[in-house]
Amino acid sequence: MDHHLERGQVYRSCAVTAGPPRYVRILVGAPGRKRVTIVDAATGRRERDINADQLHPYPVGPRGGRLRRGYVHTVTREWVEHLADQALHGHPFTIAGSSIAQNPWRGGFLRLRPEATLPAVRAIVAALEAASWTVEPSTVAEDELRVRLRGQLTCPATHSSGGGRWYCDLDRDHRHEHRDNEALETWDDDTPEPAAWWLPGQPHPGHAPAGV
């Protein structure tokens, strides 16, 4: 079964290991392909081709036994939380909550606790950017980080409504109303300037701290 294969999806190794699980990301893949190109999800490195049948939609086989070979499709939120947990070792009280869509290109946000420190924020940014995710201050809330896979060229604007969070899917420098292609909604706020980096519990700065 390869109908589920899509570029950007993350898979966890089925092999039993003593250390943390290993994750890969599809770099080139589509329904019907016999071979797909994958990279290490945490670094974007070690590009290689594998047979599509090594990527499984579920962790159990047709007879109900747990798979021991190949990789199993992972919830995008689980992957982001794993990556953040690894980065934040030694930095407790940093993330208060998150909302990450299954579509990695859409992504979502991480909400910071008031106790968050600058080294902790830097650790999150470094880990996610190494994994090819874009991290930016949210344009909606000062205590949030906007995160998504390769979002450098997409508008950072978001909008909170009674129906939830909308994310603009247009080019970063567009000059007309914002559009969320998934929610089929538009809004006409000005295209936001890049927000300054900020930490909960501190005055909002006029510029981003160096090195973040």
N, C-alpha and C. Protein backbone atom coordinates (compact mmCIF):
# COMPACT_ATOMS: atom_id res chain seq x y z
N MET A 1 0.85 -1.20 0.00
CA MET A 1 0.00 0.00 0.00
C MET A 1 0.88 1.24 0.00
N ASP A 2 0.77 2.08 -1.06
CA ASP A 2 1.58 3.29 -1.11
C ASP A 2 0.74 4.52 -1.38
N HIS A 3 -0.60 4.40 -1.22
CA HIS A 3 -1.46 5.53 -1.52
C HIS A 3 -1.24 6.70 -0.58
N HIS A 4 -0.64 6.44 0.58
CA HIS A 4 -0.47 7.47 1.59
C HIS A 4 0.81 8.28 1.41
N LEU A 5 1.68 7.90 0.49
CA LEU A 5 2.99 8.53 0.38
C LEU A 5 2.88 9.95 -0.16
N GLU A 6 3.44 10.90 0.60
CA GLU A 6 3.46 12.30 0.16
C GLU A 6 4.74 12.95 0.62
N ARG A 7 5.25 13.84 -0.19
CA ARG A 7 6.45 14.59 0.16
C ARG A 7 6.23 15.36 1.46
N GLY A 8 7.22 15.31 2.34
CA GLY A 8 7.14 16.02 3.61
C GLY A 8 6.70 15.16 4.78
N GLN A 9 6.10 14.00 4.52
CA GLN A 9 5.66 13.14 5.61
C GLN A 9 6.85 12.58 6.39
N VAL A 10 6.66 12.39 7.69
CA VAL A 10 7.69 11.83 8.56
C VAL A 10 7.30 10.42 8.97
N TYR A 11 8.30 9.53 9.00
CA TYR A 11 8.11 8.14 9.38
C TYR A 11 9.10 7.76 10.47
N ARG A 12 8.66 6.91 11.39
CA ARG A 12 9.49 6.44 12.49
C ARG A 12 9.95 5.02 12.20
N SER A 13 11.21 4.72 12.52
CA SER A 13 11.74 3.38 12.29
C SER A 13 10.99 2.35 13.12
N CYS A 14 10.70 1.21 12.51
CA CYS A 14 10.03 0.12 13.23
C CYS A 14 11.01 -0.71 14.04
N ALA A 15 12.31 -0.53 13.80
CA ALA A 15 13.31 -1.32 14.50
C ALA A 15 13.33 -0.97 15.98
N VAL A 16 13.50 -1.98 16.82
CA VAL A 16 13.58 -1.77 18.26
C VAL A 16 15.01 -1.37 18.61
N THR A 17 15.17 -0.20 19.24
CA THR A 17 16.50 0.27 19.61
C THR A 17 16.51 0.69 21.08
N ALA A 18 17.70 0.74 21.65
CA ALA A 18 17.82 1.15 23.05
C ALA A 18 17.72 2.66 23.19
N GLY A 19 18.04 3.39 22.13
CA GLY A 19 18.03 4.85 22.18
C GLY A 19 16.72 5.42 21.65
N PRO A 20 16.71 6.74 21.41
CA PRO A 20 15.50 7.39 20.87
C PRO A 20 15.15 6.83 19.50
N PRO A 21 13.88 6.86 19.12
CA PRO A 21 13.49 6.35 17.80
C PRO A 21 14.13 7.19 16.69
N ARG A 22 14.33 6.56 15.54
CA ARG A 22 14.89 7.25 14.38
C ARG A 22 13.76 7.64 13.43
N TYR A 23 13.83 8.84 12.90
CA TYR A 23 12.79 9.37 12.02
C TYR A 23 13.38 9.74 10.67
N VAL A 24 12.59 9.52 9.60
CA VAL A 24 12.98 9.94 8.26
C VAL A 24 11.84 10.75 7.66
N ARG A 25 12.18 11.57 6.66
CA ARG A 25 11.17 12.38 5.98
C ARG A 25 11.23 12.09 4.49
N ILE A 26 10.06 12.03 3.84
CA ILE A 26 10.01 11.81 2.40
C ILE A 26 10.44 13.10 1.70
N LEU A 27 11.47 13.00 0.88
CA LEU A 27 11.94 14.14 0.10
C LEU A 27 11.29 14.15 -1.28
N VAL A 28 11.20 12.99 -1.88
CA VAL A 28 10.54 12.84 -3.18
C VAL A 28 9.67 11.60 -3.12
N GLY A 29 8.37 11.78 -3.32
CA GLY A 29 7.47 10.64 -3.27
C GLY A 29 6.07 11.07 -3.65
N ALA A 30 5.29 10.14 -4.17
CA ALA A 30 3.92 10.41 -4.57
C ALA A 30 3.20 9.08 -4.69
N PRO A 31 1.85 9.08 -4.65
CA PRO A 31 1.11 7.83 -4.83
C PRO A 31 1.51 7.12 -6.11
N GLY A 32 1.70 5.82 -6.01
CA GLY A 32 2.04 5.02 -7.19
C GLY A 32 3.52 4.83 -7.42
N ARG A 33 4.37 5.55 -6.71
CA ARG A 33 5.81 5.39 -6.92
C ARG A 33 6.29 4.09 -6.28
N LYS A 34 7.22 3.42 -6.95
CA LYS A 34 7.81 2.19 -6.42
C LYS A 34 9.02 2.48 -5.54
N ARG A 35 9.69 3.61 -5.79
CA ARG A 35 10.84 4.02 -5.00
C ARG A 35 10.59 5.45 -4.51
N VAL A 36 11.04 5.77 -3.32
CA VAL A 36 10.92 7.12 -2.78
C VAL A 36 12.28 7.54 -2.23
N THR A 37 12.50 8.83 -2.21
CA THR A 37 13.73 9.39 -1.67
C THR A 37 13.45 9.90 -0.26
N ILE A 38 14.28 9.50 0.69
CA ILE A 38 14.09 9.92 2.08
C ILE A 38 15.37 10.58 2.59
N VAL A 39 15.23 11.34 3.67
CA VAL A 39 16.37 11.94 4.39
C VAL A 39 16.13 11.75 5.87
N ASP A 40 17.18 11.89 6.67
CA ASP A 40 17.00 11.88 8.11
C ASP A 40 16.16 13.10 8.48
N ALA A 41 15.06 12.88 9.20
CA ALA A 41 14.11 13.96 9.46
C ALA A 41 14.70 15.06 10.33
N ALA A 42 15.59 14.72 11.25
CA ALA A 42 16.11 15.72 12.19
C ALA A 42 17.17 16.62 11.59
N THR A 43 17.78 16.19 10.47
CA THR A 43 18.88 16.96 9.89
C THR A 43 18.70 17.30 8.42
N GLY A 44 17.81 16.59 7.73
CA GLY A 44 17.68 16.78 6.29
C GLY A 44 18.83 16.19 5.51
N ARG A 45 19.64 15.34 6.14
CA ARG A 45 20.83 14.78 5.49
C ARG A 45 20.64 13.30 5.19
N ARG A 46 21.69 12.68 4.61
CA ARG A 46 21.71 11.26 4.24
C ARG A 46 20.58 10.92 3.26
N GLU A 47 20.54 11.66 2.17
CA GLU A 47 19.53 11.40 1.14
C GLU A 47 19.76 10.03 0.52
N ARG A 48 18.71 9.21 0.43
CA ARG A 48 18.82 7.88 -0.17
C ARG A 48 17.46 7.43 -0.67
N ASP A 49 17.47 6.47 -1.59
CA ASP A 49 16.25 5.90 -2.15
C ASP A 49 15.95 4.56 -1.47
N ILE A 50 14.66 4.30 -1.22
CA ILE A 50 14.24 3.02 -0.66
C ILE A 50 12.99 2.57 -1.40
N ASN A 51 12.65 1.30 -1.27
CA ASN A 51 11.42 0.79 -1.86
C ASN A 51 10.22 1.37 -1.11
N ALA A 52 9.20 1.74 -1.85
CA ALA A 52 8.02 2.35 -1.23
C ALA A 52 7.35 1.42 -0.23
N ASP A 53 7.48 0.10 -0.44
CA ASP A 53 6.81 -0.83 0.48
C ASP A 53 7.48 -0.90 1.85
N GLN A 54 8.59 -0.17 2.05
CA GLN A 54 9.19 -0.10 3.37
C GLN A 54 8.55 0.98 4.24
N LEU A 55 7.67 1.78 3.66
CA LEU A 55 6.97 2.84 4.40
C LEU A 55 5.54 2.39 4.65
N HIS A 56 5.19 2.21 5.92
CA HIS A 56 3.92 1.61 6.29
C HIS A 56 2.96 2.64 6.88
N PRO A 57 1.66 2.49 6.60
CA PRO A 57 0.70 3.43 7.19
C PRO A 57 0.40 3.13 8.65
N TYR A 58 0.61 1.86 9.08
CA TYR A 58 0.27 1.47 10.46
C TYR A 58 1.42 0.64 11.05
N PRO A 59 1.54 0.61 12.39
CA PRO A 59 2.66 -0.11 13.01
C PRO A 59 2.46 -1.62 13.10
N VAL A 60 1.33 -2.14 12.66
CA VAL A 60 1.07 -3.58 12.70
C VAL A 60 0.88 -4.12 11.30
N GLY A 61 1.26 -5.37 11.10
CA GLY A 61 1.14 -6.01 9.80
C GLY A 61 -0.24 -6.61 9.59
N PRO A 62 -0.46 -7.26 8.44
CA PRO A 62 -1.77 -7.83 8.12
C PRO A 62 -2.23 -8.92 9.08
N ARG A 63 -1.30 -9.56 9.77
CA ARG A 63 -1.66 -10.62 10.72
C ARG A 63 -1.75 -10.10 12.16
N GLY A 64 -1.60 -8.80 12.34
CA GLY A 64 -1.75 -8.21 13.66
C GLY A 64 -0.46 -8.09 14.45
N GLY A 65 0.63 -8.61 13.91
CA GLY A 65 1.90 -8.52 14.62
C GLY A 65 2.57 -7.16 14.41
N ARG A 66 3.34 -6.72 15.38
CA ARG A 66 4.02 -5.44 15.28
C ARG A 66 5.15 -5.52 14.26
N LEU A 67 5.23 -4.54 13.39
CA LEU A 67 6.25 -4.52 12.36
C LEU A 67 7.63 -4.26 12.98
N ARG A 68 8.64 -4.94 12.47
CA ARG A 68 10.00 -4.79 12.97
C ARG A 68 10.93 -4.20 11.92
N ARG A 69 10.47 -4.07 10.70
CA ARG A 69 11.31 -3.54 9.62
C ARG A 69 10.59 -2.39 8.93
N GLY A 70 11.38 -1.52 8.34
CA GLY A 70 10.81 -0.39 7.62
C GLY A 70 10.47 0.77 8.55
N TYR A 71 9.53 1.60 8.11
CA TYR A 71 9.17 2.80 8.84
C TYR A 71 7.65 2.95 8.86
N VAL A 72 7.12 3.53 9.93
CA VAL A 72 5.68 3.70 10.05
C VAL A 72 5.35 5.18 10.07
N HIS A 73 4.27 5.54 9.39
CA HIS A 73 3.84 6.93 9.28
C HIS A 73 3.58 7.52 10.67
N THR A 74 4.07 8.73 10.88
CA THR A 74 4.00 9.37 12.19
C THR A 74 3.11 10.60 12.13
N VAL A 75 2.35 10.83 13.18
CA VAL A 75 1.58 12.06 13.30
C VAL A 75 2.55 13.23 13.35
N THR A 76 2.32 14.26 12.54
CA THR A 76 3.25 15.39 12.47
C THR A 76 3.45 16.04 13.83
N ARG A 77 2.38 16.17 14.61
CA ARG A 77 2.49 16.76 15.94
C ARG A 77 3.45 15.95 16.81
N GLU A 78 3.36 14.61 16.72
CA GLU A 78 4.25 13.75 17.51
C GLU A 78 5.71 14.02 17.16
N TRP A 79 5.98 14.18 15.86
CA TRP A 79 7.35 14.42 15.42
C TRP A 79 7.87 15.76 15.95
N VAL A 80 7.07 16.81 15.84
CA VAL A 80 7.51 18.13 16.31
C VAL A 80 7.73 18.10 17.82
N GLU A 81 6.84 17.46 18.56
CA GLU A 81 7.01 17.37 20.01
C GLU A 81 8.26 16.58 20.37
N HIS A 82 8.53 15.50 19.64
CA HIS A 82 9.75 14.72 19.89
C HIS A 82 10.98 15.58 19.65
N LEU A 83 10.99 16.31 18.54
CA LEU A 83 12.14 17.14 18.22
C LEU A 83 12.35 18.23 19.27
N ALA A 84 11.25 18.86 19.70
CA ALA A 84 11.35 19.90 20.73
C ALA A 84 11.81 19.32 22.06
N ASP A 85 11.30 18.14 22.42
CA ASP A 85 11.72 17.51 23.68
C ASP A 85 13.22 17.22 23.68
N GLN A 86 13.73 16.73 22.54
CA GLN A 86 15.16 16.45 22.45
C GLN A 86 15.97 17.74 22.58
N ALA A 87 15.48 18.82 21.95
CA ALA A 87 16.20 20.09 21.98
C ALA A 87 16.15 20.73 23.36
N LEU A 88 15.08 20.50 24.10
CA LEU A 88 14.87 21.19 25.37
C LEU A 88 15.36 20.41 26.57
N HIS A 89 16.15 19.37 26.34
CA HIS A 89 16.73 18.63 27.47
C HIS A 89 17.53 19.60 28.34
N GLY A 90 17.15 19.74 29.58
CA GLY A 90 17.81 20.69 30.46
C GLY A 90 17.15 22.05 30.49
N HIS A 91 16.08 22.23 29.70
CA HIS A 91 15.35 23.50 29.68
C HIS A 91 13.87 23.23 29.97
N PRO A 92 13.51 22.95 31.21
CA PRO A 92 12.10 22.67 31.52
C PRO A 92 11.25 23.94 31.46
N PHE A 93 9.95 23.75 31.53
CA PHE A 93 8.99 24.86 31.62
C PHE A 93 9.13 25.81 30.42
N THR A 94 9.14 25.24 29.23
CA THR A 94 9.31 26.06 28.02
C THR A 94 8.05 26.08 27.17
N ILE A 95 7.49 24.90 26.85
CA ILE A 95 6.33 24.84 25.96
C ILE A 95 5.08 24.55 26.77
N ALA A 96 4.10 25.44 26.67
CA ALA A 96 2.84 25.27 27.40
C ALA A 96 1.83 24.47 26.59
N GLY A 97 1.91 24.50 25.28
CA GLY A 97 0.96 23.78 24.44
C GLY A 97 1.33 23.96 22.98
N SER A 98 0.63 23.24 22.12
CA SER A 98 0.92 23.31 20.70
C SER A 98 -0.31 22.93 19.90
N SER A 99 -0.32 23.34 18.65
CA SER A 99 -1.33 22.91 17.69
C SER A 99 -0.62 22.79 16.35
N ILE A 100 -0.42 21.54 15.90
CA ILE A 100 0.32 21.28 14.67
C ILE A 100 -0.56 20.46 13.74
N ALA A 101 -0.80 20.96 12.54
CA ALA A 101 -1.62 20.25 11.57
C ALA A 101 -0.87 19.03 11.04
N GLN A 102 -1.60 18.04 10.56
CA GLN A 102 -0.96 16.87 9.97
C GLN A 102 -0.18 17.26 8.72
N ASN A 103 -0.66 18.27 7.98
CA ASN A 103 0.05 18.77 6.80
C ASN A 103 1.26 19.57 7.28
N PRO A 104 2.49 19.09 7.07
CA PRO A 104 3.65 19.79 7.62
C PRO A 104 3.89 21.14 6.99
N TRP A 105 3.43 21.32 5.74
CA TRP A 105 3.62 22.62 5.07
C TRP A 105 2.73 23.69 5.73
N ARG A 106 1.64 23.26 6.30
CA ARG A 106 0.75 24.17 7.02
C ARG A 106 1.27 24.43 8.44
N GLY A 107 1.77 23.36 9.09
CA GLY A 107 2.37 23.49 10.40
C GLY A 107 1.40 23.96 11.46
N GLY A 108 1.84 24.88 12.31
CA GLY A 108 1.00 25.35 13.39
C GLY A 108 1.80 26.25 14.31
N PHE A 109 1.62 26.07 15.62
CA PHE A 109 2.33 26.94 16.56
C PHE A 109 2.70 26.20 17.83
N LEU A 110 3.73 26.71 18.49
CA LEU A 110 4.12 26.28 19.83
C LEU A 110 3.89 27.47 20.76
N ARG A 111 3.21 27.24 21.87
CA ARG A 111 2.96 28.31 22.84
C ARG A 111 3.98 28.21 23.97
N LEU A 112 4.64 29.32 24.28
CA LEU A 112 5.68 29.33 25.30
C LEU A 112 5.11 29.64 26.67
N ARG A 113 5.73 29.04 27.69
CA ARG A 113 5.36 29.34 29.07
C ARG A 113 5.99 30.67 29.50
N PRO A 114 5.44 31.32 30.52
CA PRO A 114 6.06 32.55 31.04
C PRO A 114 7.49 32.33 31.52
N GLU A 115 7.83 31.09 31.90
CA GLU A 115 9.17 30.81 32.41
C GLU A 115 10.19 30.56 31.30
N ALA A 116 9.77 30.60 30.03
CA ALA A 116 10.68 30.29 28.93
C ALA A 116 11.89 31.22 28.94
N THR A 117 13.06 30.66 28.62
CA THR A 117 14.29 31.43 28.59
C THR A 117 14.80 31.56 27.16
N LEU A 118 15.66 32.53 26.94
CA LEU A 118 16.23 32.72 25.61
C LEU A 118 17.02 31.51 25.15
N PRO A 119 17.86 30.87 25.99
CA PRO A 119 18.55 29.65 25.53
C PRO A 119 17.58 28.55 25.09
N ALA A 120 16.44 28.43 25.78
CA ALA A 120 15.46 27.40 25.40
C ALA A 120 14.86 27.72 24.05
N VAL A 121 14.51 28.98 23.81
CA VAL A 121 13.95 29.36 22.51
C VAL A 121 14.98 29.12 21.41
N ARG A 122 16.23 29.46 21.67
CA ARG A 122 17.29 29.22 20.69
C ARG A 122 17.43 27.73 20.38
N ALA A 123 17.29 26.88 21.41
CA ALA A 123 17.40 25.44 21.20
C ALA A 123 16.28 24.92 20.30
N ILE A 124 15.05 25.41 20.53
CA ILE A 124 13.93 25.00 19.68
C ILE A 124 14.17 25.43 18.24
N VAL A 125 14.56 26.69 18.06
CA VAL A 125 14.78 27.22 16.72
C VAL A 125 15.86 26.42 15.99
N ALA A 126 16.97 26.14 16.67
CA ALA A 126 18.06 25.41 16.04
C ALA A 126 17.64 24.01 15.62
N ALA A 127 16.90 23.31 16.49
CA ALA A 127 16.49 21.94 16.19
C ALA A 127 15.51 21.89 15.03
N LEU A 128 14.51 22.77 15.04
CA LEU A 128 13.51 22.75 13.98
C LEU A 128 14.09 23.22 12.65
N GLU A 129 14.94 24.24 12.68
CA GLU A 129 15.52 24.72 11.43
C GLU A 129 16.48 23.68 10.84
N ALA A 130 17.18 22.92 11.69
CA ALA A 130 18.03 21.84 11.17
C ALA A 130 17.20 20.78 10.47
N ALA A 131 15.94 20.62 10.90
CA ALA A 131 15.03 19.64 10.30
C ALA A 131 14.24 20.24 9.14
N SER A 132 14.67 21.41 8.64
CA SER A 132 14.06 22.09 7.49
C SER A 132 12.73 22.76 7.80
N TRP A 133 12.44 22.99 9.10
CA TRP A 133 11.25 23.72 9.47
C TRP A 133 11.60 25.20 9.66
N THR A 134 10.65 26.07 9.31
CA THR A 134 10.81 27.50 9.52
C THR A 134 10.15 27.87 10.85
N VAL A 135 10.86 28.65 11.67
CA VAL A 135 10.35 29.09 12.97
C VAL A 135 10.35 30.62 12.98
N GLU A 136 9.19 31.20 13.30
CA GLU A 136 9.06 32.65 13.35
C GLU A 136 8.17 33.03 14.52
N PRO A 137 8.31 34.27 15.01
CA PRO A 137 7.33 34.74 15.99
C PRO A 137 5.94 34.76 15.36
N SER A 138 4.94 34.41 16.11
CA SER A 138 3.57 34.44 15.61
C SER A 138 3.12 35.87 15.37
N THR A 139 2.28 36.08 14.37
CA THR A 139 1.70 37.40 14.13
C THR A 139 0.38 37.57 14.87
N VAL A 140 -0.02 36.55 15.63
CA VAL A 140 -1.29 36.61 16.36
C VAL A 140 -1.08 36.78 17.86
N ALA A 141 -0.16 36.04 18.43
CA ALA A 141 0.05 36.06 19.88
C ALA A 141 1.53 36.17 20.19
N GLU A 142 1.86 36.99 21.18
CA GLU A 142 3.26 37.24 21.50
C GLU A 142 3.95 36.06 22.16
N ASP A 143 3.18 35.12 22.70
CA ASP A 143 3.80 33.98 23.38
C ASP A 143 3.83 32.73 22.50
N GLU A 144 3.76 32.89 21.18
CA GLU A 144 3.72 31.75 20.27
C GLU A 144 4.84 31.82 19.24
N LEU A 145 5.28 30.63 18.82
CA LEU A 145 6.20 30.50 17.70
C LEU A 145 5.44 29.82 16.55
N ARG A 146 5.48 30.42 15.37
CA ARG A 146 4.87 29.84 14.17
C ARG A 146 5.87 28.87 13.57
N VAL A 147 5.47 27.60 13.37
CA VAL A 147 6.37 26.57 12.87
C VAL A 147 5.72 25.86 11.69
N ARG A 148 6.53 25.56 10.65
CA ARG A 148 6.04 24.82 9.48
C ARG A 148 7.22 24.37 8.64
N LEU A 149 7.00 23.37 7.83
CA LEU A 149 8.06 22.83 6.99
C LEU A 149 8.32 23.77 5.82
N ARG A 150 9.57 24.21 5.70
CA ARG A 150 10.03 25.04 4.58
C ARG A 150 9.06 26.20 4.29
N GLY A 151 8.81 27.01 5.29
CA GLY A 151 7.86 28.10 5.13
C GLY A 151 8.48 29.44 4.81
N GLN A 152 9.75 29.48 4.39
CA GLN A 152 10.44 30.74 4.17
C GLN A 152 9.77 31.61 3.10
N LEU A 153 9.14 30.98 2.11
CA LEU A 153 8.59 31.75 0.99
C LEU A 153 7.09 32.00 1.11
N THR A 154 6.49 31.57 2.21
CA THR A 154 5.04 31.70 2.39
C THR A 154 4.74 32.80 3.40
N CYS A 155 3.65 33.51 3.19
CA CYS A 155 3.26 34.60 4.08
C CYS A 155 3.14 34.11 5.52
N PRO A 156 3.68 34.85 6.49
CA PRO A 156 3.62 34.40 7.89
C PRO A 156 2.31 34.78 8.59
N ALA A 157 1.39 35.46 7.90
CA ALA A 157 0.19 35.97 8.55
C ALA A 157 -0.72 34.84 9.03
N THR A 158 -1.22 34.98 10.24
CA THR A 158 -2.25 34.10 10.77
C THR A 158 -3.37 34.96 11.33
N HIS A 159 -4.51 34.33 11.55
CA HIS A 159 -5.69 35.08 12.03
C HIS A 159 -6.50 34.16 12.93
N SER A 160 -6.87 34.67 14.10
CA SER A 160 -7.73 33.91 15.02
C SER A 160 -9.17 34.30 14.81
N SER A 161 -10.03 33.31 14.72
CA SER A 161 -11.46 33.57 14.53
C SER A 161 -12.25 32.59 15.37
N GLY A 162 -13.56 32.76 15.37
CA GLY A 162 -14.42 31.82 16.09
C GLY A 162 -14.31 30.41 15.54
N GLY A 163 -13.88 30.30 14.28
CA GLY A 163 -13.73 28.98 13.66
C GLY A 163 -12.36 28.38 13.84
N GLY A 164 -11.48 29.07 14.57
CA GLY A 164 -10.14 28.54 14.79
C GLY A 164 -9.08 29.44 14.19
N ARG A 165 -7.92 28.87 13.92
CA ARG A 165 -6.78 29.61 13.40
C ARG A 165 -6.73 29.48 11.88
N TRP A 166 -6.52 30.61 11.19
CA TRP A 166 -6.34 30.60 9.75
C TRP A 166 -4.88 30.90 9.46
N TYR A 167 -4.34 30.25 8.41
CA TYR A 167 -2.96 30.45 7.99
C TYR A 167 -2.94 30.87 6.53
N CYS A 168 -2.24 31.96 6.24
CA CYS A 168 -2.19 32.45 4.87
C CYS A 168 -1.32 31.54 4.02
N ASP A 169 -1.83 31.13 2.85
CA ASP A 169 -1.11 30.23 1.96
C ASP A 169 -0.48 30.94 0.77
N LEU A 170 -0.52 32.27 0.75
CA LEU A 170 0.01 33.02 -0.38
C LEU A 170 1.50 33.27 -0.24
N ASP A 171 2.12 33.81 -1.30
CA ASP A 171 3.54 34.13 -1.26
C ASP A 171 3.81 35.16 -0.17
N ARG A 172 5.01 35.15 0.35
CA ARG A 172 5.36 36.01 1.47
C ARG A 172 5.14 37.49 1.18
N ASP A 173 5.41 37.95 -0.01
CA ASP A 173 5.33 39.38 -0.32
C ASP A 173 4.07 39.77 -1.08
N HIS A 174 2.99 39.02 -0.94
CA HIS A 174 1.77 39.37 -1.68
C HIS A 174 1.22 40.71 -1.20
N ARG A 175 0.42 41.36 -2.05
CA ARG A 175 -0.07 42.70 -1.74
C ARG A 175 -1.59 42.79 -1.74
N HIS A 176 -2.26 41.68 -1.48
CA HIS A 176 -3.72 41.70 -1.40
C HIS A 176 -4.15 40.90 -0.19
N GLU A 177 -5.44 40.67 -0.03
CA GLU A 177 -5.94 40.03 1.19
C GLU A 177 -5.36 38.64 1.36
N HIS A 178 -5.26 38.23 2.62
CA HIS A 178 -4.72 36.92 2.95
C HIS A 178 -5.75 35.84 2.63
N ARG A 179 -5.26 34.63 2.32
CA ARG A 179 -6.16 33.54 1.96
C ARG A 179 -5.68 32.24 2.58
N ASP A 180 -6.61 31.56 3.28
CA ASP A 180 -6.36 30.24 3.82
C ASP A 180 -7.02 29.23 2.88
N ASN A 181 -6.22 28.48 2.14
CA ASN A 181 -6.77 27.57 1.14
C ASN A 181 -7.50 26.38 1.76
N GLU A 182 -7.14 26.00 2.98
CA GLU A 182 -7.78 24.85 3.62
C GLU A 182 -9.11 25.24 4.25
N ALA A 183 -9.14 26.38 4.95
CA ALA A 183 -10.38 26.84 5.58
C ALA A 183 -11.28 27.58 4.61
N LEU A 184 -10.74 27.91 3.41
CA LEU A 184 -11.49 28.66 2.39
C LEU A 184 -11.97 30.00 2.94
N GLU A 185 -11.08 30.66 3.67
CA GLU A 185 -11.39 31.96 4.25
C GLU A 185 -10.36 32.99 3.81
N THR A 186 -10.77 34.26 3.77
CA THR A 186 -9.86 35.36 3.48
C THR A 186 -10.00 36.42 4.55
N TRP A 187 -8.97 37.22 4.73
CA TRP A 187 -9.05 38.37 5.62
C TRP A 187 -8.13 39.46 5.07
N ASP A 188 -8.43 40.70 5.41
CA ASP A 188 -7.78 41.82 4.74
C ASP A 188 -6.85 42.62 5.62
N ASP A 189 -6.30 42.01 6.66
CA ASP A 189 -5.28 42.71 7.45
C ASP A 189 -4.08 43.03 6.57
N ASP A 190 -3.34 44.05 6.94
CA ASP A 190 -2.11 44.35 6.22
C ASP A 190 -1.14 43.18 6.34
N THR A 191 -0.35 42.96 5.29
CA THR A 191 0.67 41.93 5.37
C THR A 191 1.63 42.29 6.49
N PRO A 192 1.81 41.42 7.47
CA PRO A 192 2.57 41.81 8.67
C PRO A 192 4.06 41.96 8.42
N GLU A 193 4.66 42.89 9.13
CA GLU A 193 6.11 42.97 9.18
C GLU A 193 6.60 41.81 10.06
N PRO A 194 7.81 41.34 9.83
CA PRO A 194 8.34 40.28 10.72
C PRO A 194 8.28 40.72 12.18
N ALA A 195 7.69 39.90 13.01
CA ALA A 195 7.54 40.25 14.42
C ALA A 195 8.88 40.13 15.14
N ALA A 196 9.03 40.90 16.23
CA ALA A 196 10.24 40.81 17.03
C ALA A 196 10.19 39.57 17.91
N TRP A 197 11.36 38.97 18.16
CA TRP A 197 11.42 37.85 19.09
C TRP A 197 11.13 38.36 20.49
N TRP A 198 10.39 37.57 21.20
CA TRP A 198 9.92 38.00 22.52
C TRP A 198 9.83 36.79 23.43
N LEU A 199 10.00 37.00 24.73
CA LEU A 199 9.82 35.92 25.70
C LEU A 199 8.70 36.28 26.65
N PRO A 200 7.87 35.32 27.03
CA PRO A 200 6.81 35.60 27.99
C PRO A 200 7.38 36.17 29.28
N GLY A 201 6.63 37.09 29.89
CA GLY A 201 7.05 37.67 31.15
C GLY A 201 8.05 38.80 31.01
N GLN A 202 8.39 39.18 29.76
CA GLN A 202 9.33 40.28 29.55
C GLN A 202 8.68 41.34 28.67
N PRO A 203 9.14 42.60 28.76
CA PRO A 203 8.60 43.62 27.86
C PRO A 203 8.88 43.27 26.41
N HIS A 204 7.94 43.58 25.53
CA HIS A 204 8.13 43.29 24.12
C HIS A 204 9.22 44.19 23.56
N PRO A 205 10.28 43.63 22.97
CA PRO A 205 11.40 44.45 22.52
C PRO A 205 11.09 45.13 21.18
N GLY A 206 11.89 46.10 20.85
CA GLY A 206 11.72 46.78 19.58
C GLY A 206 12.49 46.10 18.45
N HIS A 207 13.36 45.14 18.79
CA HIS A 207 14.10 44.44 17.77
C HIS A 207 14.45 43.04 18.28
N ALA A 208 14.79 42.18 17.35
CA ALA A 208 15.10 40.79 17.72
C ALA A 208 16.46 40.71 18.38
N PRO A 209 16.60 39.89 19.42
CA PRO A 209 17.92 39.71 20.03
C PRO A 209 18.89 39.03 19.08
N ALA A 210 20.12 39.43 19.11
CA ALA A 210 21.12 38.87 18.21
C ALA A 210 21.31 37.39 18.48
N GLY A 211 21.46 36.63 17.38
CA GLY A 211 21.79 35.22 17.51
C GLY A 211 20.60 34.30 17.57
N VAL A 212 19.35 34.83 17.61
CA VAL A 212 18.19 33.94 17.64
C VAL A 212 17.83 33.57 16.22
